[in-house]
């Protein structure tokens, strides 16, 4: 299996070094750079605005390459994070060798690596996004004995001039193919480039959103990833957004991950699937597809902290224009099986016990259950969107799942918040009245985070400075009544959308 993960790997370093990225060493990097005559190196790291930042190096000799690989470089932390004071702002950035890839956009061969932040004493920066996620994952492992894995569903709109030919159906773009879908070639090129950066892609497709307006075609697409260790899942999502933005810029297209770009049309989310693993075994289901106590406890934790999770996953005012009924976006704190009207969904997981491949291909022998996808079961939270800082958001989700294992009433909460109906149908209004609501603004999310901040600060996962910074950021929007204030005001809505069009 390990050799199969190296064969056909799109990252050329994996292919040439013939080893998994987790095994890359400093000498491997130097050897590859020298052999291929690479003269440029990029350090990449997330800023406080959720976007990827970059530092460029030109290589004059091997000694300098060795120096930057060993020592990293200094950066101004106060320009990257608003909670860092200018009087003590120096930080180190150190490259992580396992993230190395060749820049797919640079004309001159360029090696890129993601970096981690360190403070003046040489310790990981407590408030840095990536270290916060690592702390959350470590605490989850120590508490439960399981690994917290995640994967993202990255939704975005591609915007281009309308061709007036083979139009797609308004709001019926799901899994559409050419010629009725127009951005497929762009999406497939994005997928190839993301794979070259090390991304583990499951698949890509068009999404529901499809409409024309003012001579422009708006086509919603999605790239979905495979479940891996949560800290690497965050890296892959960051790099994927960087790839999609860069490729769109170079091809004269416009893309946006904004949660909402017009009224009455599908918004874009960042759905996160989670999986709990122990020694390579999925711990979410028992035989027959029955959810385990582990799964129910983790989901109960998400239910309990759901009001404050929006502070990490929905970080600008347009997020709350997406979280409205009848838009396949959640508004209530509940969960269910295969139900897209809930906050947390347990999707199909290949747990029926039937070899469907054998049924479709009778000439093939039946494959044992343990070899045909029994590890695929996940649970998915559907509230987050492209405004999220993916490291903070995954860290918060990890904290919430761990919180479920620490709650005495986890089983009761899981039972009380489970629904098996479409809660937006009028016939089920009585059930809707029994459920808590998600916050409807950044200000309301900040209030919820203020009340529940202790759960995130416990064990030093989220620093008080980081929580304070998030609260300030959310409250500075002054949007407590914004959704009501500008309802029906097209000009005001367009100004708001334009302000946050390139979020994240």
Protein backbone atom coordinates (compact mmCIF):
# COMPACT_ATOMS: atom_id res chain seq x y z
CA UNK A 1 0.00 0.00 0.00
CA UNK A 2 2.81 2.43 0.87
CA UNK A 3 4.46 1.83 -2.52
CA UNK A 4 1.09 2.42 -4.21
CA UNK A 5 0.91 5.83 -2.52
CA UNK A 6 4.22 6.75 -4.18
CA UNK A 7 3.41 5.37 -7.63
CA UNK A 8 1.65 7.92 -9.87
CA UNK A 9 2.03 10.61 -7.20
CA UNK A 10 1.57 14.02 -8.84
CA UNK A 11 4.18 15.70 -6.63
CA UNK A 12 7.41 15.35 -8.62
CA UNK A 13 9.54 15.28 -5.45
CA UNK A 14 7.69 12.18 -4.23
CA UNK A 15 8.16 10.57 -7.61
CA UNK A 16 11.89 11.27 -7.81
CA UNK A 17 12.86 10.78 -4.15
CA UNK A 18 10.70 7.63 -4.01
CA UNK A 19 9.55 8.32 -0.49
CA UNK A 20 6.49 9.67 1.28
CA UNK A 21 6.64 13.43 2.02
CA UNK A 22 6.71 12.70 5.76
CA UNK A 23 10.16 11.17 5.14
CA UNK A 24 11.65 14.15 3.27
CA UNK A 25 14.90 15.36 4.86
CA UNK A 26 16.96 18.51 4.49
CA UNK A 27 19.50 16.59 2.43
CA UNK A 28 16.72 15.31 0.15
CA UNK A 29 15.65 18.88 -0.55
CA UNK A 30 19.21 20.03 -1.21
CA UNK A 31 19.89 17.06 -3.47
CA UNK A 32 16.78 17.74 -5.55
CA UNK A 33 17.48 21.48 -5.85
CA UNK A 34 21.09 20.93 -6.97
CA UNK A 35 20.20 18.18 -9.45
CA UNK A 36 17.50 20.25 -11.14
CA UNK A 37 19.29 23.60 -11.05
CA UNK A 38 16.58 25.30 -9.00
CA UNK A 39 17.52 28.90 -8.15
CA UNK A 40 14.37 30.13 -6.40
CA UNK A 41 12.69 29.07 -3.14
CA UNK A 42 9.37 30.29 -1.74
CA UNK A 43 8.38 30.19 1.93
CA UNK A 44 4.57 30.19 2.34
CA UNK A 45 2.51 30.67 5.53
CA UNK A 46 -0.99 31.77 6.58
CA UNK A 47 -1.67 35.30 7.78
CA UNK A 48 -4.32 36.52 10.16
CA UNK A 49 -6.65 37.29 7.24
CA UNK A 50 -6.73 33.61 6.27
CA UNK A 51 -4.76 34.19 3.06
CA UNK A 52 -1.45 32.57 2.13
CA UNK A 53 1.63 34.82 2.39
CA UNK A 54 4.96 34.34 0.59
CA UNK A 55 8.66 35.10 1.00
CA UNK A 56 10.95 34.65 -2.03
CA UNK A 57 14.62 33.60 -1.97
CA UNK A 58 17.11 33.55 -4.83
CA UNK A 59 19.78 30.91 -4.30
CA UNK A 60 23.39 31.99 -4.74
CA UNK A 61 24.99 28.79 -3.50
CA UNK A 62 24.25 25.54 -1.63
CA UNK A 63 25.46 27.05 1.64
CA UNK A 64 22.72 29.68 1.54
CA UNK A 65 20.10 27.04 0.71
CA UNK A 66 21.25 25.01 3.70
CA UNK A 67 21.08 28.11 5.90
CA UNK A 68 17.47 28.99 5.07
CA UNK A 69 16.40 25.36 5.33
CA UNK A 70 18.01 25.11 8.77
CA UNK A 71 17.41 28.57 10.26
CA UNK A 72 14.39 29.88 8.39
CA UNK A 73 13.98 33.66 8.32
CA UNK A 74 12.55 36.59 10.32
CA UNK A 75 9.18 38.19 9.54
CA UNK A 76 7.12 41.02 11.03
CA UNK A 77 4.38 39.33 13.02
CA UNK A 78 2.44 42.55 13.65
CA UNK A 79 1.89 42.94 9.90
CA UNK A 80 0.58 39.38 9.69
CA UNK A 81 -1.56 39.17 12.83
CA UNK A 82 -3.47 42.06 14.38
CA UNK A 83 -3.12 40.64 17.92
CA UNK A 84 0.69 41.00 17.84
CA UNK A 85 2.14 44.30 19.05
CA UNK A 86 4.67 46.13 16.86
CA UNK A 87 6.96 46.53 19.89
CA UNK A 88 7.58 42.77 20.02
CA UNK A 89 6.63 41.59 16.58
CA UNK A 90 9.61 39.63 15.27
CA UNK A 91 8.83 36.00 14.43
CA UNK A 92 10.76 33.19 12.79
CA UNK A 93 9.32 31.17 9.90
CA UNK A 94 10.78 27.67 9.51
CA UNK A 95 10.05 25.51 6.46
CA UNK A 96 8.41 22.11 6.84
CA UNK A 97 10.19 19.76 4.46
CA UNK A 98 7.18 17.43 4.12
CA UNK A 99 5.27 20.23 2.36
CA UNK A 100 7.79 20.74 -0.46
CA UNK A 101 6.53 21.04 -4.03
CA UNK A 102 7.46 22.74 -7.30
CA UNK A 103 5.54 25.95 -8.03
CA UNK A 104 3.20 25.07 -10.93
CA UNK A 105 2.98 28.73 -12.03
CA UNK A 106 6.57 29.95 -12.03
CA UNK A 107 8.39 30.08 -15.38
CA UNK A 108 11.66 29.60 -13.50
CA UNK A 109 11.69 26.30 -11.57
CA UNK A 110 10.87 27.24 -7.98
CA UNK A 111 10.67 25.13 -4.84
CA UNK A 112 7.88 25.99 -2.39
CA UNK A 113 7.46 24.96 1.25
CA UNK A 114 4.90 25.79 3.90
CA UNK A 115 6.31 27.23 7.11
CA UNK A 116 5.56 27.28 10.83
CA UNK A 117 5.97 30.29 13.13
CA UNK A 118 8.35 30.39 16.11
CA UNK A 119 8.78 33.05 18.81
CA UNK A 120 11.95 34.81 19.99
CA UNK A 121 12.77 31.94 22.34
CA UNK A 122 12.62 29.37 19.57
CA UNK A 123 9.27 27.90 20.64
CA UNK A 124 6.27 27.42 18.37
CA UNK A 125 4.19 30.59 18.38
CA UNK A 126 1.26 29.80 20.67
CA UNK A 127 -1.22 31.89 18.69
CA UNK A 128 -0.19 30.84 15.20
CA UNK A 129 -2.99 29.14 13.23
CA UNK A 130 -1.06 25.98 12.35
CA UNK A 131 0.30 25.43 15.89
CA UNK A 132 -3.18 25.93 17.34
CA UNK A 133 -4.41 23.09 15.13
CA UNK A 134 -1.49 20.86 16.11
CA UNK A 135 -2.24 21.44 19.79
CA UNK A 136 -5.90 20.58 19.24
CA UNK A 137 -5.05 17.35 17.41
CA UNK A 138 -2.53 16.33 20.10
CA UNK A 139 -5.06 16.93 22.89
CA UNK A 140 -7.70 14.91 21.02
CA UNK A 141 -5.29 12.00 20.61
CA UNK A 142 -4.30 12.06 24.27
CA UNK A 143 -7.91 12.22 25.45
CA UNK A 144 -9.44 9.61 23.13
CA UNK A 145 -6.60 7.47 21.84
CA UNK A 146 -7.80 8.23 18.31
CA UNK A 147 -6.55 10.31 15.39
CA UNK A 148 -8.67 13.25 14.22
CA UNK A 149 -8.84 13.30 10.43
CA UNK A 150 -10.59 15.80 8.18
CA UNK A 151 -11.32 16.66 4.58
CA UNK A 152 -12.85 19.71 2.94
CA UNK A 153 -15.40 20.32 0.21
CA UNK A 154 -14.19 23.53 -1.40
CA UNK A 155 -16.99 25.37 -3.24
CA UNK A 156 -16.40 28.40 -5.46
CA UNK A 157 -17.96 30.30 -8.35
CA UNK A 158 -16.25 30.74 -11.72
CA UNK A 159 -17.40 33.93 -13.46
CA UNK A 160 -16.90 34.57 -17.18
CA UNK A 161 -18.69 36.29 -20.09
CA UNK A 162 -21.83 34.46 -21.17
CA UNK A 163 -21.50 32.61 -24.49
CA UNK A 164 -25.26 32.49 -25.09
CA UNK A 165 -24.97 28.86 -26.21
CA UNK A 166 -26.02 25.66 -24.45
CA UNK A 167 -27.16 27.53 -21.31
CA UNK A 168 -27.27 25.66 -18.03
CA UNK A 169 -30.49 25.50 -16.00
CA UNK A 170 -30.75 28.17 -13.34
CA UNK A 171 -29.87 26.61 -9.95
CA UNK A 172 -29.68 23.12 -11.47
CA UNK A 173 -25.95 22.83 -12.17
CA UNK A 174 -25.26 19.84 -9.91
CA UNK A 175 -22.82 17.44 -11.63
CA UNK A 176 -23.56 19.01 -15.03
CA UNK A 177 -21.22 18.21 -17.92
CA UNK A 178 -20.10 20.12 -21.02
CA UNK A 179 -21.41 21.82 -23.06
CA UNK A 180 -24.01 22.86 -20.48
CA UNK A 181 -21.23 23.40 -17.93
CA UNK A 182 -18.49 25.73 -19.14
CA UNK A 183 -15.78 25.68 -16.44
CA UNK A 184 -14.91 21.99 -16.44
CA UNK A 185 -11.53 22.38 -18.15
CA UNK A 186 -10.54 25.10 -15.68
CA UNK A 187 -11.60 22.92 -12.74
CA UNK A 188 -9.66 19.91 -14.02
CA UNK A 189 -6.53 22.02 -14.51
CA UNK A 190 -6.92 23.30 -10.94
CA UNK A 191 -7.17 19.72 -9.72
CA UNK A 192 -3.97 18.73 -11.52
CA UNK A 193 -2.07 21.67 -10.04
CA UNK A 194 -3.45 21.06 -6.54
CA UNK A 195 -2.32 17.43 -6.79
CA UNK A 196 1.14 18.65 -7.80
CA UNK A 197 1.31 20.68 -4.57
CA UNK A 198 0.59 17.49 -2.61
CA UNK A 199 -3.20 17.68 -2.40
CA UNK A 200 -5.15 14.46 -1.92
CA UNK A 201 -8.17 15.05 -4.17
CA UNK A 202 -11.25 12.85 -4.12
CA UNK A 203 -13.04 14.39 -7.11
CA UNK A 204 -14.36 17.59 -8.66
CA UNK A 205 -17.71 18.56 -10.16
CA UNK A 206 -20.12 21.40 -10.83
CA UNK A 207 -22.43 22.39 -7.99
CA UNK A 208 -26.04 23.59 -7.86
CA UNK A 209 -25.29 27.29 -8.44
CA UNK A 210 -25.67 28.26 -12.10
CA UNK A 211 -27.10 31.53 -13.38
CA UNK A 212 -26.54 34.41 -15.78
CA UNK A 213 -26.61 38.06 -14.81
CA UNK A 214 -25.58 41.26 -16.61
CA UNK A 215 -24.00 39.32 -19.48
CA UNK A 216 -21.94 37.11 -17.16
CA UNK A 217 -22.14 33.38 -16.47
CA UNK A 218 -21.83 32.35 -12.82
CA UNK A 219 -21.00 28.65 -12.46
CA UNK A 220 -20.47 27.01 -9.10
CA UNK A 221 -17.85 24.26 -8.82
CA UNK A 222 -16.55 22.06 -6.05
CA UNK A 223 -13.29 20.21 -5.40
CA UNK A 224 -13.50 17.62 -2.66
CA UNK A 225 -10.54 16.13 -0.82
CA UNK A 226 -9.76 12.81 0.86
CA UNK A 227 -9.66 12.45 4.67
CA UNK A 228 -6.16 12.81 6.11
CA UNK A 229 -4.60 14.08 9.34
CA UNK A 230 -6.37 17.36 10.12
CA UNK A 231 -3.19 19.48 10.18
CA UNK A 232 -2.36 18.36 6.64
CA UNK A 233 -5.97 18.81 5.51
CA UNK A 234 -5.70 22.50 6.47
CA UNK A 235 -2.46 22.84 4.50
CA UNK A 236 -4.10 21.33 1.43
CA UNK A 237 -7.12 23.63 1.59
CA UNK A 238 -4.88 26.70 1.90
CA UNK A 239 -2.80 25.64 -1.09
CA UNK A 240 -5.90 24.73 -3.12
CA UNK A 241 -7.38 28.21 -2.74
CA UNK A 242 -4.00 29.69 -3.72
CA UNK A 243 -3.90 27.49 -6.83
CA UNK A 244 -7.47 28.32 -7.89
CA UNK A 245 -6.97 32.07 -7.43
CA UNK A 246 -3.67 32.03 -9.34
CA UNK A 247 -4.93 29.94 -12.23
CA UNK A 248 -8.04 32.10 -12.60
CA UNK A 249 -5.91 35.25 -12.66
CA UNK A 250 -3.66 33.82 -15.35
CA UNK A 251 -6.57 32.61 -17.49
CA UNK A 252 -8.56 35.84 -17.30
CA UNK A 253 -11.35 34.38 -15.17
CA UNK A 254 -12.86 35.56 -11.92
CA UNK A 255 -13.35 33.15 -9.02
CA UNK A 256 -14.76 33.71 -5.57
CA UNK A 257 -15.11 31.60 -2.44
CA UNK A 258 -17.47 34.19 -0.96
CA UNK A 259 -20.34 32.63 1.01
CA UNK A 260 -22.97 34.64 -0.85
CA UNK A 261 -22.70 36.60 -4.11
CA UNK A 262 -26.35 37.39 -4.86
CA UNK A 263 -29.76 36.94 -3.30
CA UNK A 264 -31.83 33.87 -4.09
CA UNK A 265 -28.95 31.83 -5.54
CA UNK A 266 -26.90 29.08 -3.95
CA UNK A 267 -24.10 30.27 -1.69
CA UNK A 268 -20.71 28.59 -1.38
CA UNK A 269 -19.77 26.64 1.72
CA UNK A 270 -16.74 24.89 3.10
CA UNK A 271 -18.20 21.62 4.34
CA UNK A 272 -15.80 19.68 6.54
CA UNK A 273 -15.95 15.92 6.91
CA UNK A 274 -14.38 14.32 9.97
CA UNK A 275 -13.23 10.79 10.72
CA UNK A 276 -11.88 9.20 13.92
CA UNK A 277 -9.22 6.53 13.40
CA UNK A 278 -7.35 4.12 15.67
CA UNK A 279 -4.51 2.01 14.26
CA UNK A 280 -5.85 2.46 10.75
CA UNK A 281 -9.41 1.48 11.67
CA UNK A 282 -12.44 3.75 11.33
CA UNK A 283 -14.04 4.15 14.76
CA UNK A 284 -17.36 5.68 13.63
CA UNK A 285 -19.44 2.62 12.72
CA UNK A 286 -20.03 -0.91 13.89
CA UNK A 287 -21.18 -3.80 11.73
CA UNK A 288 -24.39 -2.99 9.91
CA UNK A 289 -23.52 0.69 9.71
CA UNK A 290 -24.61 1.50 13.27
CA UNK A 291 -22.95 4.62 14.65
CA UNK A 292 -20.61 3.95 17.55
CA UNK A 293 -20.64 5.71 20.89
CA UNK A 294 -17.45 7.45 19.72
CA UNK A 295 -19.31 9.01 16.79
CA UNK A 296 -22.26 10.11 18.91
CA UNK A 297 -20.04 11.71 21.51
CA UNK A 298 -18.07 13.64 18.91
CA UNK A 299 -21.29 14.83 17.26
CA UNK A 300 -22.72 15.82 20.65
CA UNK A 301 -19.65 18.01 21.19
CA UNK A 302 -20.29 19.72 17.86
CA UNK A 303 -23.92 20.27 18.86
CA UNK A 304 -22.96 21.78 22.23
CA UNK A 305 -20.39 24.20 20.79
CA UNK A 306 -22.24 24.84 17.51
CA UNK A 307 -23.19 28.45 18.40
CA UNK A 308 -19.54 29.47 18.80
CA UNK A 309 -18.14 27.37 15.93
CA UNK A 310 -19.55 29.99 13.54
CA UNK A 311 -17.02 32.45 15.02
CA UNK A 312 -14.31 30.36 13.34
CA UNK A 313 -16.12 29.10 10.23
CA UNK A 314 -18.22 32.14 9.26
CA UNK A 315 -16.04 35.22 9.65
CA UNK A 316 -17.66 38.02 7.65
CA UNK A 317 -21.18 39.47 7.42
CA UNK A 318 -22.03 37.80 4.09
CA UNK A 319 -21.64 34.41 5.80
CA UNK A 320 -24.95 34.99 7.54
CA UNK A 321 -26.76 35.80 4.30
CA UNK A 322 -25.98 32.18 3.31
CA UNK A 323 -27.18 30.62 6.58
CA UNK A 324 -30.87 31.03 5.79
CA UNK A 325 -33.62 28.40 5.25
CA UNK A 326 -34.20 26.57 1.94
CA UNK A 327 -30.66 27.13 0.56
CA UNK A 328 -29.12 23.75 1.56
CA UNK A 329 -27.35 25.65 4.34
CA UNK A 330 -28.03 24.95 8.03
CA UNK A 331 -29.84 27.30 10.39
CA UNK A 332 -30.59 24.96 13.30
CA UNK A 333 -28.45 23.00 15.72
CA UNK A 334 -29.25 19.40 14.84
CA UNK A 335 -27.85 16.36 13.07
CA UNK A 336 -29.12 13.45 11.01
CA UNK A 337 -28.40 10.73 8.50
CA UNK A 338 -28.11 11.66 4.81
CA UNK A 339 -30.04 14.87 5.56
CA UNK A 340 -28.88 18.11 3.91
CA UNK A 341 -31.11 20.35 6.03
CA UNK A 342 -29.14 19.65 9.22
CA UNK A 343 -25.98 21.15 10.67
CA UNK A 344 -24.10 17.84 10.95
CA UNK A 345 -24.85 15.12 8.42
CA UNK A 346 -23.82 11.46 8.49
CA UNK A 347 -23.56 10.58 4.78
CA UNK A 348 -23.62 7.19 3.11
CA UNK A 349 -20.60 5.18 4.21
CA UNK A 350 -20.43 1.91 2.24
CA UNK A 351 -21.58 -0.03 5.31
CA UNK A 352 -24.46 -2.09 3.88
CA UNK A 353 -22.38 -5.28 3.67
CA UNK A 354 -23.27 -5.79 0.01
CA UNK A 355 -20.54 -5.91 -2.63
CA UNK A 356 -22.13 -3.45 -5.07
CA UNK A 357 -19.19 -3.74 -7.46
CA UNK A 358 -19.86 -7.46 -7.80
CA UNK A 359 -23.52 -6.70 -8.57
CA UNK A 360 -22.52 -4.17 -11.24
CA UNK A 361 -19.77 -6.44 -12.58
CA UNK A 362 -20.95 -10.06 -12.10
CA UNK A 363 -17.79 -11.46 -13.69
CA UNK A 364 -15.75 -10.21 -10.72
CA UNK A 365 -15.40 -12.24 -7.53
CA UNK A 366 -16.83 -10.69 -4.36
CA UNK A 367 -14.36 -8.60 -2.37
CA UNK A 368 -14.18 -9.02 1.45
CA UNK A 369 -16.03 -6.33 3.41
CA UNK A 370 -12.84 -4.91 4.98
CA UNK A 371 -11.40 -4.25 1.50
CA UNK A 372 -14.32 -2.39 -0.06
CA UNK A 373 -14.62 0.95 1.66
CA UNK A 374 -15.66 0.16 5.22
CA UNK A 375 -13.27 2.89 6.38
CA UNK A 376 -15.02 5.62 4.37
CA UNK A 377 -17.66 6.66 6.91
CA UNK A 378 -17.42 10.30 7.97
CA UNK A 379 -19.63 12.94 9.57
CA UNK A 380 -19.90 16.38 7.98
CA UNK A 381 -20.49 19.85 9.38
CA UNK A 382 -22.16 22.11 6.81
CA UNK A 383 -22.05 25.61 8.32
CA UNK A 384 -18.53 26.82 7.44
CA UNK A 385 -17.61 28.80 4.34
CA UNK A 386 -14.71 30.35 2.45
CA UNK A 387 -14.28 33.17 4.99
CA UNK A 388 -12.90 30.69 7.54
CA UNK A 389 -9.28 30.54 8.63
CA UNK A 390 -9.00 26.82 7.88
CA UNK A 391 -6.44 26.16 10.64
CA UNK A 392 -8.53 27.88 13.30
CA UNK A 393 -11.72 26.27 12.03
CA UNK A 394 -10.34 22.71 11.99
CA UNK A 395 -8.81 23.32 15.42
CA UNK A 396 -12.18 24.48 16.73
CA UNK A 397 -13.92 21.42 15.25
CA UNK A 398 -11.30 19.17 16.84
CA UNK A 399 -11.83 20.87 20.22
CA UNK A 400 -15.60 20.44 19.87
CA UNK A 401 -15.28 16.71 19.09
CA UNK A 402 -12.97 16.24 22.09
CA UNK A 403 -15.45 18.23 24.20
CA UNK A 404 -18.06 15.58 23.39
CA UNK A 405 -15.91 12.92 25.07
CA UNK A 406 -15.68 15.11 28.19
CA UNK A 407 -19.43 15.80 28.49
CA UNK A 408 -21.40 13.74 31.00
CA UNK A 409 -24.62 14.21 29.01
CA UNK A 410 -23.20 13.61 25.53
CA UNK A 411 -25.53 10.69 24.77
CA UNK A 412 -28.57 12.71 25.86
CA UNK A 413 -27.56 15.70 23.72
CA UNK A 414 -26.97 13.46 20.69
CA UNK A 415 -30.41 11.94 21.13
CA UNK A 416 -32.18 15.28 21.64
CA UNK A 417 -30.61 16.97 18.59
CA UNK A 418 -31.11 14.09 16.15
CA UNK A 419 -33.69 14.65 13.41
CA UNK A 420 -34.83 12.31 10.65
CA UNK A 421 -37.01 14.75 8.68
CA UNK A 422 -36.52 17.85 6.52
CA UNK A 423 -36.82 20.48 9.22
CA UNK A 424 -37.65 23.20 6.69
CA UNK A 425 -40.91 21.51 5.62
CA UNK A 426 -43.95 23.25 7.11
CA UNK A 427 -45.25 19.90 8.35
CA UNK A 428 -42.24 19.68 10.65
CA UNK A 429 -42.49 23.18 12.12
CA UNK A 430 -43.11 21.77 15.58
CA UNK A 431 -39.76 20.00 15.46
CA UNK A 432 -38.03 23.19 14.31
CA UNK A 433 -39.33 25.06 17.34
CA UNK A 434 -37.53 22.61 19.64
CA UNK A 435 -34.09 23.25 18.14
CA UNK A 436 -31.56 25.96 18.92
CA UNK A 437 -30.71 28.40 16.12
CA UNK A 438 -27.29 29.26 14.72
CA UNK A 439 -26.17 32.89 15.15
CA UNK A 440 -27.41 35.29 12.49
CA UNK A 441 -24.49 37.76 12.44
CA UNK A 442 -20.81 38.15 13.24
CA UNK A 443 -21.85 40.06 16.36
CA UNK A 444 -24.06 37.20 17.55
CA UNK A 445 -21.28 34.69 16.84
CA UNK A 446 -18.90 36.81 18.91
CA UNK A 447 -21.38 36.73 21.81
CA UNK A 448 -21.56 32.95 21.59
CA UNK A 449 -17.77 32.64 21.48
CA UNK A 450 -17.46 34.93 24.50
CA UNK A 451 -19.76 32.60 26.46
CA UNK A 452 -18.06 29.39 25.33
CA UNK A 453 -14.45 30.54 25.03
CA UNK A 454 -13.38 28.41 28.00
CA UNK A 455 -13.86 25.24 25.97
CA UNK A 456 -11.39 26.47 23.34
CA UNK A 457 -8.86 27.92 25.79
CA UNK A 458 -8.82 24.75 27.89
CA UNK A 459 -5.45 22.98 27.78
CA UNK A 460 -3.98 26.07 26.09
CA UNK A 461 -5.30 25.09 22.64
CA UNK A 462 -6.51 28.58 21.66
CA UNK A 463 -4.60 31.40 23.32
CA UNK A 464 -6.56 34.16 25.02
CA UNK A 465 -4.93 36.61 22.59
CA UNK A 466 -6.26 34.70 19.60
CA UNK A 467 -9.79 34.51 21.01
CA UNK A 468 -9.69 38.21 21.86
CA UNK A 469 -8.53 38.98 18.31
CA UNK A 470 -11.36 36.96 16.78
CA UNK A 471 -13.91 38.70 19.02
CA UNK A 472 -12.62 42.13 18.00
CA UNK A 473 -12.64 41.21 14.33
CA UNK A 474 -16.22 39.95 14.45
CA UNK A 475 -17.57 42.86 16.48
CA UNK A 476 -15.87 45.46 14.32
CA UNK A 477 -18.34 44.63 11.53
CA UNK A 478 -21.24 46.05 13.59
CA UNK A 479 -23.64 43.75 11.74
CA UNK A 480 -26.04 42.69 14.50
CA UNK A 481 -29.12 43.82 12.53
CA UNK A 482 -27.52 44.06 9.07
CA UNK A 483 -29.51 41.24 7.49
CA UNK A 484 -32.76 43.00 8.37
CA UNK A 485 -31.46 46.50 7.70
CA UNK A 486 -30.54 45.92 4.04
CA UNK A 487 -33.17 43.29 3.16
CA UNK A 488 -34.47 44.12 -0.31
CA UNK A 489 -31.90 46.89 -0.84
CA UNK A 490 -30.09 45.66 -3.93
CA UNK A 491 -27.45 48.40 -3.97
CA UNK A 492 -26.51 47.87 -0.34
CA UNK A 493 -26.33 44.11 -0.79
CA UNK A 494 -24.07 44.49 -3.85
CA UNK A 495 -21.73 46.83 -1.94
CA UNK A 496 -21.51 44.31 0.89
CA UNK A 497 -20.82 41.42 -1.48
CA UNK A 498 -18.13 43.40 -3.33
CA UNK A 499 -16.43 44.21 -0.02
CA UNK A 500 -15.99 40.54 0.86
CA UNK A 501 -15.81 39.08 -2.64
CA UNK A 502 -12.24 37.77 -2.26
CA UNK A 503 -12.50 36.53 1.32
CA UNK A 504 -10.07 33.88 2.48
